């Protein structure tokens, strides 16, 4: 694993400490790694939705609004357990 040194604001440091005190995590590193994993997963979902929207927009005439398409894709992700 790579070691990093980061500077945290006081509110963020306090939040990390609270996560450890609550026994949810055993170290700040564990909390940060979990946050990064969740952010990466969310980014993957966003990229998936963007790709679907772009494909839909490039496929020709559509009668759905982009909001309706986005809702449909999110419903599909929820149904598949990916969201």
C-alpha atoms as a PDB file:
ATOM      1  CA  UNK A   1       0.000   0.000   0.000  1.00  0.00           C
ATOM      2  CA  UNK A   2       1.062   3.553  -0.630  1.00  0.00           C
ATOM      3  CA  UNK A   3       1.396   5.841   2.363  1.00  0.00           C
ATOM      4  CA  UNK A   4       0.155   9.402   2.002  1.00  0.00           C
ATOM      5  CA  UNK A   5       0.253  12.455   4.196  1.00  0.00           C
ATOM      6  CA  UNK A   6      -2.821  14.659   4.009  1.00  0.00           C
ATOM      7  CA  UNK A   7      -4.002  17.761   5.825  1.00  0.00           C
ATOM      8  CA  UNK A   8      -7.575  17.803   7.079  1.00  0.00           C
ATOM      9  CA  UNK A   9      -9.778  20.641   8.197  1.00  0.00           C
ATOM     10  CA  UNK A  10     -10.800  20.461  11.843  1.00  0.00           C
ATOM     11  CA  UNK A  11     -14.435  19.501  11.046  1.00  0.00           C
ATOM     12  CA  UNK A  12     -13.269  16.687   8.754  1.00  0.00           C
ATOM     13  CA  UNK A  13     -10.751  15.437  11.301  1.00  0.00           C
ATOM     14  CA  UNK A  14     -13.424  15.468  14.015  1.00  0.00           C
ATOM     15  CA  UNK A  15     -15.794  13.558  11.736  1.00  0.00           C
ATOM     16  CA  UNK A  16     -13.132  10.920  11.069  1.00  0.00           C
ATOM     17  CA  UNK A  17     -12.453  10.586  14.789  1.00  0.00           C
ATOM     18  CA  UNK A  18     -16.184  10.147  15.444  1.00  0.00           C
ATOM     19  CA  UNK A  19     -16.337   7.341  12.871  1.00  0.00           C
ATOM     20  CA  UNK A  20     -13.588   5.514  14.735  1.00  0.00           C
ATOM     21  CA  UNK A  21     -15.122   6.184  18.162  1.00  0.00           C
ATOM     22  CA  UNK A  22     -18.427   4.769  16.955  1.00  0.00           C
ATOM     23  CA  UNK A  23     -16.570   1.491  16.233  1.00  0.00           C
ATOM     24  CA  UNK A  24     -17.709   1.680  12.612  1.00  0.00           C
ATOM     25  CA  UNK A  25     -14.050   1.765  11.540  1.00  0.00           C
ATOM     26  CA  UNK A  26     -10.769   0.976  13.239  1.00  0.00           C
ATOM     27  CA  UNK A  27      -8.605   3.718  11.701  1.00  0.00           C
ATOM     28  CA  UNK A  28      -8.746   6.952   9.744  1.00  0.00           C
ATOM     29  CA  UNK A  29      -7.164   5.129   6.812  1.00  0.00           C
ATOM     30  CA  UNK A  30     -10.023   2.638   6.770  1.00  0.00           C
ATOM     31  CA  UNK A  31     -12.576   5.481   6.703  1.00  0.00           C
ATOM     32  CA  UNK A  32     -10.763   7.332   3.915  1.00  0.00           C
ATOM     33  CA  UNK A  33     -10.360   4.164   1.826  1.00  0.00           C
ATOM     34  CA  UNK A  34     -14.071   3.386   2.238  1.00  0.00           C
ATOM     35  CA  UNK A  35     -15.010   6.923   1.170  1.00  0.00           C
ATOM     36  CA  UNK A  36     -12.780   6.637  -1.884  1.00  0.00           C
ATOM     37  CA  UNK A  37     -14.306   3.242  -2.817  1.00  0.00           C
ATOM     38  CA  UNK A  38     -17.795   4.731  -2.562  1.00  0.00           C
ATOM     39  CA  UNK A  39     -16.805   7.773  -4.629  1.00  0.00           C
ATOM     40  CA  UNK A  40     -15.260   5.538  -7.293  1.00  0.00           C
ATOM     41  CA  UNK A  41     -18.419   3.401  -7.439  1.00  0.00           C
ATOM     42  CA  UNK A  42     -20.571   6.506  -7.729  1.00  0.00           C
ATOM     43  CA  UNK A  43     -18.328   7.844 -10.497  1.00  0.00           C
ATOM     44  CA  UNK A  44     -18.751   4.529 -12.323  1.00  0.00           C
ATOM     45  CA  UNK A  45     -22.526   4.857 -12.063  1.00  0.00           C
ATOM     46  CA  UNK A  46     -22.378   8.433 -13.351  1.00  0.00           C
ATOM     47  CA  UNK A  47     -20.215   7.398 -16.304  1.00  0.00           C
ATOM     48  CA  UNK A  48     -22.618   4.528 -17.070  1.00  0.00           C
ATOM     49  CA  UNK A  49     -25.599   6.890 -17.061  1.00  0.00           C
ATOM     50  CA  UNK A  50     -23.765   9.475 -19.161  1.00  0.00           C
ATOM     51  CA  UNK A  51     -22.835   6.822 -21.727  1.00  0.00           C
ATOM     52  CA  UNK A  52     -26.450   5.630 -21.905  1.00  0.00           C
ATOM     53  CA  UNK A  53     -27.705   9.191 -22.310  1.00  0.00           C
ATOM     54  CA  UNK A  54     -25.169   9.935 -25.044  1.00  0.00           C
ATOM     55  CA  UNK A  55     -26.059   6.705 -26.850  1.00  0.00           C
ATOM     56  CA  UNK A  56     -29.750   7.583 -26.628  1.00  0.00           C
ATOM     57  CA  UNK A  57     -29.187  11.118 -27.837  1.00  0.00           C
ATOM     58  CA  UNK A  58     -27.091   9.908 -30.771  1.00  0.00           C
ATOM     59  CA  UNK A  59     -29.582   7.223 -31.782  1.00  0.00           C
ATOM     60  CA  UNK A  60     -31.968   9.683 -33.343  1.00  0.00           C
ATOM     61  CA  UNK A  61     -35.354  11.129 -32.509  1.00  0.00           C
ATOM     62  CA  UNK A  62     -36.591  10.569 -28.968  1.00  0.00           C
ATOM     63  CA  UNK A  63     -39.755  11.674 -27.266  1.00  0.00           C
ATOM     64  CA  UNK A  64     -38.458  11.347 -23.701  1.00  0.00           C
ATOM     65  CA  UNK A  65     -36.826  14.255 -21.935  1.00  0.00           C
ATOM     66  CA  UNK A  66     -33.310  13.813 -20.577  1.00  0.00           C
ATOM     67  CA  UNK A  67     -34.822  13.783 -17.066  1.00  0.00           C
ATOM     68  CA  UNK A  68     -37.162  10.929 -18.023  1.00  0.00           C
ATOM     69  CA  UNK A  69     -34.276   8.986 -19.564  1.00  0.00           C
ATOM     70  CA  UNK A  70     -32.145   9.559 -16.468  1.00  0.00           C
ATOM     71  CA  UNK A  71     -34.968   8.324 -14.245  1.00  0.00           C
ATOM     72  CA  UNK A  72     -35.351   5.227 -16.430  1.00  0.00           C
ATOM     73  CA  UNK A  73     -31.627   4.429 -16.245  1.00  0.00           C
ATOM     74  CA  UNK A  74     -31.576   4.929 -12.487  1.00  0.00           C
ATOM     75  CA  UNK A  75     -34.569   2.594 -12.170  1.00  0.00           C
ATOM     76  CA  UNK A  76     -32.675  -0.020 -14.209  1.00  0.00           C
ATOM     77  CA  UNK A  77     -29.606   0.340 -11.976  1.00  0.00           C
ATOM     78  CA  UNK A  78     -31.736   0.014  -8.839  1.00  0.00           C
ATOM     79  CA  UNK A  79     -33.456  -3.034 -10.285  1.00  0.00           C
ATOM     80  CA  UNK A  80     -30.058  -4.609 -11.037  1.00  0.00           C
ATOM     81  CA  UNK A  81     -28.811  -3.750  -7.528  1.00  0.00           C
ATOM     82  CA  UNK A  82     -26.147  -1.379  -8.863  1.00  0.00           C
ATOM     83  CA  UNK A  83     -27.616   1.763  -7.326  1.00  0.00           C
END
